[in-house]
Protein backbone atom coordinates (compact mmCIF):
# COMPACT_ATOMS: atom_id res chain seq x y z
CA MET A 1 -2.21 13.26 -39.77
CA LEU A 2 0.78 13.68 -42.11
CA LEU A 3 3.14 14.14 -39.16
CA THR A 4 1.80 10.99 -37.48
CA ARG A 5 2.23 8.98 -40.66
CA ALA A 6 5.80 10.24 -41.08
CA GLN A 7 6.58 9.34 -37.48
CA ARG A 8 5.11 5.85 -37.87
CA ALA A 9 7.20 5.37 -41.01
CA GLY A 10 10.31 6.37 -39.08
CA ALA A 11 10.92 9.46 -41.22
CA VAL A 12 10.37 11.99 -38.42
CA ARG A 13 11.41 11.88 -34.78
CA ALA A 14 8.69 10.59 -32.47
CA ASP A 15 9.00 13.55 -30.10
CA ILE A 16 8.17 16.21 -32.72
CA THR A 17 4.75 17.84 -32.32
CA THR A 18 2.63 19.90 -34.68
CA LEU A 19 3.37 22.96 -32.56
CA ASP A 20 7.11 22.26 -32.94
CA LEU A 21 6.72 22.31 -36.72
CA VAL A 22 4.66 25.50 -36.72
CA VAL A 23 7.23 27.33 -34.57
CA LEU A 24 10.17 26.04 -36.64
CA LEU A 25 8.57 26.95 -39.95
CA LYS A 26 7.59 30.43 -38.74
CA GLY A 27 11.17 31.02 -37.66
CA LEU A 28 12.47 29.73 -40.97
CA LEU A 29 10.15 32.01 -42.96
CA ARG A 30 11.10 35.03 -40.88
CA SER A 31 14.81 34.29 -41.28
CA VAL A 32 14.48 33.91 -45.04
CA HIS A 33 12.49 37.13 -45.30
CA GLU A 34 15.10 39.07 -43.32
CA ALA A 35 17.98 37.68 -45.40
CA ALA A 36 16.43 38.27 -48.83
CA ALA A 37 19.84 39.17 -50.29
CA ARG A 38 20.98 35.56 -49.84
CA PRO A 39 19.23 33.44 -52.51
CA ASP A 40 20.91 30.25 -51.23
CA LEU A 41 19.56 30.68 -47.72
CA PRO A 42 16.02 29.21 -48.01
CA GLY A 43 17.19 25.86 -49.39
CA ARG A 44 20.11 25.62 -46.99
CA LEU A 45 18.01 26.40 -43.91
CA LEU A 46 15.28 23.99 -45.00
CA ALA A 47 17.90 21.24 -45.40
CA VAL A 48 19.24 21.92 -41.90
CA LEU A 49 15.71 21.87 -40.49
CA SER A 50 14.87 18.63 -42.31
CA ASP A 51 18.04 16.95 -41.05
CA GLY A 52 17.13 17.90 -37.49
CA LEU A 53 13.66 16.35 -37.77
CA ARG A 54 14.99 12.94 -38.78
CA PRO A 55 15.41 10.34 -36.07
CA PRO A 56 18.98 9.36 -35.14
CA PRO A 57 20.37 6.31 -36.97
């Protein structure tokens, strides 16, 4: 429901599915876990992920 509302508001690309988000977030969590020595990594990767979910201007 939250994804649908974000898509209707134009905040998230229309072609993103719930499964897409699950796979992306699992990958993000695994990457952050494996790179624990880099405290800047979680925020940076989340920003990159968020940018990619936005629709093009």
